[in-house]
Amino acid sequence: MRQKYEYKFVRLGEGWWGVKKSGSQEYQKAVEDHARQGWRLVQVFAPGIGPYGAAQFYELIFEREIQ
């Protein structure tokens, strides 16, 4: 039987001039909280769309198998 997955996207630290300090501090807690719920961190996405190519937010991408 083929495995199926669901995905969840969590955006942290969204700021105008770059990622807010809170985003850098909260990502560890977000990963730990989601891991307790059965989610696995797949990727951290930080697009360079702010001034001088700075990231404006972090997007954490989680997956878990659908039972």
N, C-alpha and C. Protein backbone atom coordinates (compact mmCIF):
# COMPACT_ATOMS: atom_id res chain seq x y z
N MET A 1 0.84 -1.19 0.00
CA MET A 1 0.00 0.00 0.00
C MET A 1 0.89 1.25 0.00
N ARG A 2 0.49 2.22 -0.75
CA ARG A 2 1.26 3.45 -0.90
C ARG A 2 1.00 4.41 0.27
N GLN A 3 2.08 5.00 0.79
CA GLN A 3 1.93 5.94 1.90
C GLN A 3 1.40 7.27 1.40
N LYS A 4 0.58 7.92 2.24
CA LYS A 4 0.04 9.24 1.92
C LYS A 4 0.45 10.18 3.04
N TYR A 5 0.69 11.43 2.68
CA TYR A 5 1.16 12.43 3.63
C TYR A 5 0.29 13.68 3.57
N GLU A 6 0.25 14.38 4.69
CA GLU A 6 -0.35 15.71 4.72
C GLU A 6 0.74 16.68 5.11
N TYR A 7 0.57 17.93 4.71
CA TYR A 7 1.58 18.95 4.94
C TYR A 7 1.00 20.15 5.66
N LYS A 8 1.86 20.80 6.43
CA LYS A 8 1.44 21.98 7.18
C LYS A 8 2.54 23.04 7.01
N PHE A 9 2.13 24.27 6.79
CA PHE A 9 3.05 25.38 6.58
C PHE A 9 2.86 26.39 7.71
N VAL A 10 3.95 26.71 8.40
CA VAL A 10 3.89 27.62 9.55
C VAL A 10 4.84 28.78 9.28
N ARG A 11 4.29 30.00 9.24
CA ARG A 11 5.09 31.19 8.97
C ARG A 11 5.43 31.86 10.30
N LEU A 12 6.71 32.21 10.47
CA LEU A 12 7.18 32.84 11.71
C LEU A 12 7.97 34.11 11.41
N GLY A 13 7.85 35.07 12.29
CA GLY A 13 8.71 36.26 12.29
C GLY A 13 8.53 37.21 11.14
N GLU A 14 7.37 37.26 10.55
CA GLU A 14 7.18 38.12 9.38
C GLU A 14 7.36 39.59 9.76
N GLY A 15 8.28 40.24 9.08
CA GLY A 15 8.57 41.65 9.33
C GLY A 15 8.77 42.41 8.04
N TRP A 16 8.71 43.71 8.10
CA TRP A 16 8.83 44.55 6.90
C TRP A 16 10.26 44.59 6.38
N TRP A 17 11.25 44.76 7.28
CA TRP A 17 12.65 44.91 6.87
C TRP A 17 13.47 43.65 7.04
N GLY A 18 12.85 42.60 7.47
CA GLY A 18 13.54 41.33 7.67
C GLY A 18 12.82 40.52 8.73
N VAL A 19 13.32 39.34 8.99
CA VAL A 19 12.70 38.48 9.98
C VAL A 19 12.81 39.13 11.35
N LYS A 20 11.68 39.19 12.05
CA LYS A 20 11.69 39.74 13.40
C LYS A 20 12.48 38.82 14.32
N LYS A 21 13.07 39.38 15.33
CA LYS A 21 13.85 38.61 16.29
C LYS A 21 13.02 37.48 16.90
N SER A 22 11.75 37.72 17.12
CA SER A 22 10.88 36.70 17.70
C SER A 22 10.82 35.45 16.82
N GLY A 23 10.88 35.62 15.50
CA GLY A 23 10.87 34.47 14.60
C GLY A 23 12.08 33.59 14.77
N SER A 24 13.22 34.21 14.98
CA SER A 24 14.45 33.44 15.20
C SER A 24 14.40 32.69 16.51
N GLN A 25 13.71 33.22 17.48
CA GLN A 25 13.64 32.60 18.80
C GLN A 25 12.53 31.56 18.89
N GLU A 26 11.47 31.70 18.11
CA GLU A 26 10.30 30.84 18.23
C GLU A 26 10.36 29.58 17.38
N TYR A 27 11.28 29.50 16.41
CA TYR A 27 11.24 28.36 15.51
C TYR A 27 11.54 27.04 16.22
N GLN A 28 12.43 27.06 17.21
CA GLN A 28 12.74 25.82 17.93
C GLN A 28 11.52 25.30 18.68
N LYS A 29 10.80 26.20 19.33
CA LYS A 29 9.58 25.80 20.04
C LYS A 29 8.54 25.26 19.05
N ALA A 30 8.41 25.90 17.90
CA ALA A 30 7.44 25.44 16.90
C ALA A 30 7.78 24.04 16.41
N VAL A 31 9.05 23.76 16.20
CA VAL A 31 9.47 22.42 15.74
C VAL A 31 9.17 21.39 16.83
N GLU A 32 9.51 21.70 18.05
CA GLU A 32 9.27 20.76 19.16
C GLU A 32 7.77 20.51 19.36
N ASP A 33 6.96 21.56 19.32
CA ASP A 33 5.51 21.42 19.48
C ASP A 33 4.91 20.54 18.38
N HIS A 34 5.31 20.76 17.15
CA HIS A 34 4.77 19.98 16.05
C HIS A 34 5.27 18.54 16.09
N ALA A 35 6.49 18.32 16.51
CA ALA A 35 7.02 16.96 16.62
C ALA A 35 6.20 16.14 17.62
N ARG A 36 5.78 16.76 18.71
CA ARG A 36 4.94 16.07 19.69
C ARG A 36 3.59 15.65 19.10
N GLN A 37 3.16 16.36 18.07
CA GLN A 37 1.89 16.05 17.41
C GLN A 37 2.06 15.11 16.22
N GLY A 38 3.28 14.62 16.03
CA GLY A 38 3.53 13.66 14.96
C GLY A 38 4.01 14.25 13.65
N TRP A 39 4.28 15.55 13.63
CA TRP A 39 4.77 16.20 12.42
C TRP A 39 6.28 16.08 12.34
N ARG A 40 6.81 16.02 11.12
CA ARG A 40 8.25 15.97 10.89
C ARG A 40 8.63 17.20 10.07
N LEU A 41 9.68 17.90 10.52
CA LEU A 41 10.15 19.08 9.79
C LEU A 41 10.79 18.62 8.49
N VAL A 42 10.33 19.19 7.38
CA VAL A 42 10.84 18.83 6.06
C VAL A 42 11.80 19.90 5.56
N GLN A 43 11.42 21.17 5.75
CA GLN A 43 12.23 22.25 5.19
C GLN A 43 11.93 23.56 5.90
N VAL A 44 12.93 24.42 5.94
CA VAL A 44 12.75 25.80 6.39
C VAL A 44 12.97 26.67 5.16
N PHE A 45 11.96 27.44 4.83
CA PHE A 45 11.98 28.30 3.64
C PHE A 45 12.09 29.74 4.11
N ALA A 46 13.06 30.47 3.60
CA ALA A 46 13.26 31.88 3.98
C ALA A 46 13.52 32.68 2.70
N PRO A 47 12.45 33.09 2.02
CA PRO A 47 12.63 33.79 0.75
C PRO A 47 13.27 35.15 0.92
N GLY A 48 14.18 35.47 0.04
CA GLY A 48 14.86 36.77 0.07
C GLY A 48 14.09 37.81 -0.70
N ILE A 49 13.06 38.37 -0.07
CA ILE A 49 12.22 39.34 -0.76
C ILE A 49 12.24 40.70 -0.09
N GLY A 50 13.01 40.84 0.97
CA GLY A 50 13.11 42.12 1.68
C GLY A 50 14.22 42.98 1.09
N PRO A 51 14.53 44.08 1.75
CA PRO A 51 15.61 44.95 1.28
C PRO A 51 16.93 44.19 1.21
N TYR A 52 17.66 44.40 0.13
CA TYR A 52 18.97 43.78 -0.09
C TYR A 52 18.91 42.26 -0.08
N GLY A 53 17.74 41.69 -0.40
CA GLY A 53 17.60 40.25 -0.48
C GLY A 53 17.41 39.55 0.85
N ALA A 54 17.15 40.31 1.91
CA ALA A 54 16.95 39.72 3.24
C ALA A 54 15.61 38.97 3.30
N ALA A 55 15.60 37.89 4.03
CA ALA A 55 14.34 37.15 4.23
C ALA A 55 13.41 37.98 5.10
N GLN A 56 12.12 37.96 4.79
CA GLN A 56 11.13 38.68 5.59
C GLN A 56 10.41 37.77 6.56
N PHE A 57 10.54 36.48 6.39
CA PHE A 57 9.90 35.52 7.30
C PHE A 57 10.55 34.16 7.11
N TYR A 58 10.28 33.28 8.05
CA TYR A 58 10.63 31.87 7.92
C TYR A 58 9.34 31.11 7.73
N GLU A 59 9.34 30.16 6.83
CA GLU A 59 8.19 29.28 6.70
C GLU A 59 8.69 27.86 6.95
N LEU A 60 8.15 27.24 7.98
CA LEU A 60 8.51 25.88 8.34
C LEU A 60 7.52 24.95 7.64
N ILE A 61 8.04 23.93 6.99
CA ILE A 61 7.19 22.98 6.27
C ILE A 61 7.29 21.64 6.99
N PHE A 62 6.13 21.15 7.44
CA PHE A 62 6.04 19.89 8.17
C PHE A 62 5.24 18.88 7.36
N GLU A 63 5.52 17.60 7.60
CA GLU A 63 4.72 16.54 7.01
C GLU A 63 4.47 15.46 8.04
N ARG A 64 3.38 14.71 7.83
CA ARG A 64 3.12 13.52 8.63
C ARG A 64 2.30 12.57 7.79
N GLU A 65 2.48 11.32 8.09
CA GLU A 65 1.78 10.28 7.36
C GLU A 65 0.31 10.26 7.74
N ILE A 66 -0.54 10.09 6.76
CA ILE A 66 -1.98 9.96 7.00
C ILE A 66 -2.26 8.50 7.28
N GLN A 67 -2.90 8.25 8.38
CA GLN A 67 -3.19 6.86 8.79
C GLN A 67 -4.38 6.31 8.05
